[in-house]
C-alpha atoms as a PDB file:
ATOM      1  CA  MET A   1      16.113-205.767  69.697  1.00  0.00           C
ATOM      2  CA  ALA A   2      15.074-208.841  71.764  1.00  0.00           C
ATOM      3  CA  LYS A   3      11.537-210.240  71.442  1.00  0.00           C
ATOM      4  CA  PRO A   4       9.649-210.470  74.783  1.00  0.00           C
ATOM      5  CA  GLU A   5       8.694-213.822  76.015  1.00  0.00           C
ATOM      6  CA  SER A   6       5.077-214.623  75.243  1.00  0.00           C
ATOM      7  CA  THR A   7       2.725-214.970  78.151  1.00  0.00           C
ATOM      8  CA  SER A   8      -0.522-216.585  78.292  1.00  0.00           C
ATOM      9  CA  ASP A   9      -3.715-214.876  79.064  1.00  0.00           C
ATOM     10  CA  ASN A  10      -4.002-216.201  82.692  1.00  0.00           C
ATOM     11  CA  ASP A  11      -0.865-214.218  83.668  1.00  0.00           C
ATOM     12  CA  SER A  12      -1.447-211.087  85.746  1.00  0.00           C
ATOM     13  CA  VAL A  13       0.132-208.510  87.928  1.00  0.00           C
ATOM     14  CA  ILE A  14      -1.620-206.724  90.680  1.00  0.00           C
ATOM     15  CA  LEU A  15      -0.134-203.408  91.755  1.00  0.00           C
ATOM     16  CA  VAL A  16      -0.974-202.532  95.391  1.00  0.00           C
ATOM     17  CA  ASP A  17      -0.489-199.204  97.048  1.00  0.00           C
ATOM     18  CA  GLY A  18       0.276-200.609 100.460  1.00  0.00           C
ATOM     19  CA  SER A  19       0.642-197.251 102.271  1.00  0.00           C
ATOM     20  CA  SER A  20      -3.013-196.376 101.121  1.00  0.00           C
ATOM     21  CA  TYR A  21      -4.198-199.697 102.273  1.00  0.00           C
ATOM     22  CA  VAL A  22      -2.624-199.349 105.752  1.00  0.00           C
ATOM     23  CA  TYR A  23      -3.882-195.867 106.195  1.00  0.00           C
ATOM     24  CA  ARG A  24      -7.245-196.637 105.225  1.00  0.00           C
ATOM     25  CA  ALA A  25      -7.418-200.012 107.342  1.00  0.00           C
ATOM     26  CA  TYR A  26      -6.010-198.156 110.454  1.00  0.00           C
ATOM     27  CA  HIS A  27      -8.447-195.493 110.321  1.00  0.00           C
ATOM     28  CA  ALA A  28     -11.653-197.332 108.924  1.00  0.00           C
ATOM     29  CA  LEU A  29     -11.755-199.927 111.623  1.00  0.00           C
ATOM     30  CA  PRO A  30     -12.714-199.815 115.156  1.00  0.00           C
ATOM     31  CA  PRO A  31      -9.701-199.840 117.567  1.00  0.00           C
ATOM     32  CA  LEU A  32      -8.399-203.474 117.505  1.00  0.00           C
ATOM     33  CA  THR A  33      -5.609-204.470 119.885  1.00  0.00           C
ATOM     34  CA  THR A  34      -4.022-207.435 121.423  1.00  0.00           C
ATOM     35  CA  SER A  35      -3.975-208.355 125.072  1.00  0.00           C
ATOM     36  CA  THR A  36      -0.916-205.917 125.534  1.00  0.00           C
ATOM     37  CA  GLY A  37      -2.470-202.934 123.839  1.00  0.00           C
ATOM     38  CA  GLN A  38      -0.655-203.366 120.523  1.00  0.00           C
ATOM     39  CA  PRO A  39      -2.704-201.934 117.726  1.00  0.00           C
ATOM     40  CA  THR A  40      -3.679-204.695 114.964  1.00  0.00           C
ATOM     41  CA  GLY A  41      -6.514-203.103 113.252  1.00  0.00           C
ATOM     42  CA  ALA A  42      -4.330-202.032 110.239  1.00  0.00           C
ATOM     43  CA  VAL A  43      -2.815-205.702 109.936  1.00  0.00           C
ATOM     44  CA  ARG A  44      -6.351-207.117 109.902  1.00  0.00           C
ATOM     45  CA  GLY A  45      -7.661-204.690 107.368  1.00  0.00           C
ATOM     46  CA  VAL A  46      -4.770-204.953 104.899  1.00  0.00           C
ATOM     47  CA  THR A  47      -4.844-208.715 105.031  1.00  0.00           C
ATOM     48  CA  THR A  48      -8.739-208.676 104.300  1.00  0.00           C
ATOM     49  CA  CYS A  49      -8.177-206.173 101.342  1.00  0.00           C
ATOM     50  CA  LEU A  50      -5.395-208.288  99.935  1.00  0.00           C
ATOM     51  CA  LEU A  51      -7.562-211.434 100.208  1.00  0.00           C
ATOM     52  CA  TYR A  52     -10.290-209.790  98.241  1.00  0.00           C
ATOM     53  CA  THR A  53      -7.771-208.736  95.442  1.00  0.00           C
ATOM     54  CA  SER A  54      -6.074-211.999  95.021  1.00  0.00           C
ATOM     55  CA  PRO A  55      -7.819-214.140  92.300  1.00  0.00           C
ATOM     56  CA  SER A  56      -9.499-217.113  93.266  1.00  0.00           C
ATOM     57  CA  PRO A  57      -9.769-220.366  90.993  1.00  0.00           C
ATOM     58  CA  ARG A  58     -13.465-219.561  90.449  1.00  0.00           C
ATOM     59  CA  ASP A  59     -12.723-216.032  89.176  1.00  0.00           C
ATOM     60  CA  GLN A  60     -10.047-217.696  86.705  1.00  0.00           C
ATOM     61  CA  ARG A  61     -12.710-219.925  85.336  1.00  0.00           C
ATOM     62  CA  GLY A  62     -14.691-216.843  84.466  1.00  0.00           C
ATOM     63  CA  SER A  63     -17.734-217.849  86.530  1.00  0.00           C
ATOM     64  CA  GLY A  64     -17.017-215.681  89.619  1.00  0.00           C
END
């Protein structure tokens, strides 16, 4: 049996339920639209959620 490659403690995987984020962002935010009426609230909400889940260099040092 093949031995798995070793990984460092800094490697991580984040699993995101995208449909849940889109639904939540679309219904939780006020109606955000472009000048032509295209709804954009879900895009902004999902982007904000993903920015909060991505590790920052401060978090990796352990002082976040």
